[in-house]
Amino acid sequence: MNNKIENPKTQITETTKLNDCDYLNEILNCEKNMSVNMTYALNEASNDVLYNELLPIFEEIKNCQRDIFNLAFKKGWYSLEKADILKVSQKISEFNQKLKQLIN
């Protein structure tokens, strides 16, 4: 049984030069890093005006990151793994136990 969810790979020329997949991965990593840094900025913004200025920028960064990931997935450069329902149920149970411990 195939546990992968993937699209057919868009073929790229394998050379020492950067190709479309390389560029897209670099852009995606950049967006992820900007997202992390913007999260710090939002957490540290003590001024409401500044916070309200940064929040839409953060949302735009997150939307761009998602769009870039979706493009890479569509091109077949990313694949996903189907979650095993037993593993998911087990994780839910573990988190529920931890939550009960925190509440008590």
Protein backbone atom coordinates (compact mmCIF):
# COMPACT_ATOMS: atom_id res chain seq x y z
CA MET A 1 0.00 0.00 0.00
CA ASN A 2 1.38 3.39 -1.02
CA ASN A 3 1.34 5.84 1.89
CA LYS A 4 2.48 8.80 -0.18
CA ILE A 5 0.34 11.57 -1.57
CA GLU A 6 2.17 13.14 -4.46
CA ASN A 7 1.89 14.62 -7.90
CA PRO A 8 3.93 13.62 -10.93
CA LYS A 9 7.34 15.29 -10.75
CA THR A 10 8.00 18.14 -13.11
CA GLN A 11 11.32 17.21 -14.66
CA ILE A 12 14.22 19.56 -14.13
CA THR A 13 17.68 19.50 -15.59
CA GLU A 14 20.22 18.19 -13.11
CA THR A 15 23.26 20.46 -13.35
CA THR A 16 25.51 22.31 -10.96
CA LYS A 17 23.48 25.44 -11.64
CA LEU A 18 20.37 26.29 -9.67
CA ASN A 19 17.13 25.10 -11.23
CA ASP A 20 13.48 25.98 -10.66
CA CYS A 21 13.13 23.48 -7.82
CA ASP A 22 16.19 24.93 -6.07
CA TYR A 23 14.90 28.48 -6.42
CA LEU A 24 11.44 27.52 -5.16
CA ASN A 25 12.93 25.73 -2.14
CA GLU A 26 15.09 28.75 -1.32
CA ILE A 27 12.11 31.09 -1.57
CA LEU A 28 10.05 28.75 0.62
CA ASN A 29 12.81 28.64 3.24
CA CYS A 30 13.06 32.42 3.14
CA GLU A 31 9.29 32.76 3.69
CA LYS A 32 9.46 30.32 6.61
CA ASN A 33 12.30 32.30 8.19
CA MET A 34 10.45 35.59 7.72
CA SER A 35 7.41 34.00 9.36
CA VAL A 36 9.42 32.97 12.41
CA ASN A 37 11.03 36.40 12.71
CA MET A 38 7.70 38.15 12.27
CA THR A 39 6.27 35.99 15.05
CA TYR A 40 9.00 37.30 17.35
CA ALA A 41 8.25 40.85 16.28
CA LEU A 42 4.53 40.40 16.98
CA ASN A 43 5.23 38.83 20.38
CA GLU A 44 7.52 41.68 21.34
CA ALA A 45 5.41 44.55 19.95
CA SER A 46 4.41 46.49 23.03
CA ASN A 47 2.66 49.16 21.01
CA ASP A 48 -0.82 48.40 19.62
CA VAL A 49 -0.30 50.56 16.54
CA LEU A 50 2.91 48.70 15.67
CA TYR A 51 1.26 45.33 16.33
CA ASN A 52 -1.66 46.22 14.06
CA GLU A 53 0.78 47.30 11.33
CA LEU A 54 2.76 44.05 11.55
CA LEU A 55 -0.15 41.61 11.70
CA PRO A 56 -1.33 42.00 8.06
CA ILE A 57 2.29 41.67 6.89
CA PHE A 58 2.59 38.45 8.88
CA GLU A 59 -0.61 37.11 7.33
CA GLU A 60 0.66 37.96 3.85
CA ILE A 61 3.93 36.14 4.55
CA LYS A 62 2.02 33.06 5.74
CA ASN A 63 -0.23 33.13 2.65
CA CYS A 64 2.81 33.45 0.36
CA GLN A 65 4.49 30.56 2.13
CA ARG A 66 1.39 28.41 1.65
CA ASP A 67 1.10 29.35 -2.02
CA ILE A 68 4.76 28.50 -2.61
CA PHE A 69 4.39 25.14 -0.87
CA ASN A 70 1.27 24.38 -2.91
CA LEU A 71 3.15 25.19 -6.12
CA ALA A 72 6.04 22.93 -5.15
CA PHE A 73 3.57 20.16 -4.26
CA LYS A 74 1.75 20.63 -7.57
CA LYS A 75 5.08 20.34 -9.40
CA GLY A 76 5.75 17.06 -7.57
CA TRP A 77 8.74 18.41 -5.66
CA TYR A 78 7.06 17.73 -2.31
CA SER A 79 5.14 14.68 -1.23
CA LEU A 80 3.03 14.00 1.82
CA GLU A 81 2.63 10.83 3.80
CA LYS A 82 -0.81 9.50 4.67
CA ALA A 83 -1.29 9.35 8.41
CA ASP A 84 -1.92 5.95 9.92
CA ILE A 85 -5.24 6.26 11.80
CA LEU A 86 -3.86 4.13 14.65
CA LYS A 87 -0.88 6.47 15.08
CA VAL A 88 -3.16 9.52 15.00
CA SER A 89 -5.45 8.00 17.64
CA GLN A 90 -2.44 7.13 19.78
CA LYS A 91 -1.11 10.71 19.59
CA ILE A 92 -4.52 12.12 20.48
CA SER A 93 -4.62 9.86 23.54
CA GLU A 94 -1.12 10.93 24.58
CA PHE A 95 -1.98 14.62 24.27
CA ASN A 96 -5.24 14.14 26.18
CA GLN A 97 -3.32 12.44 29.01
CA LYS A 98 -0.80 15.30 29.11
CA LEU A 99 -3.63 17.83 29.10
CA LYS A 100 -5.30 16.06 32.07
CA GLN A 101 -1.97 16.15 33.92
CA LEU A 102 -1.64 19.88 33.31
CA ILE A 103 -5.19 20.59 34.46
CA ASN A 104 -4.83 18.62 37.69
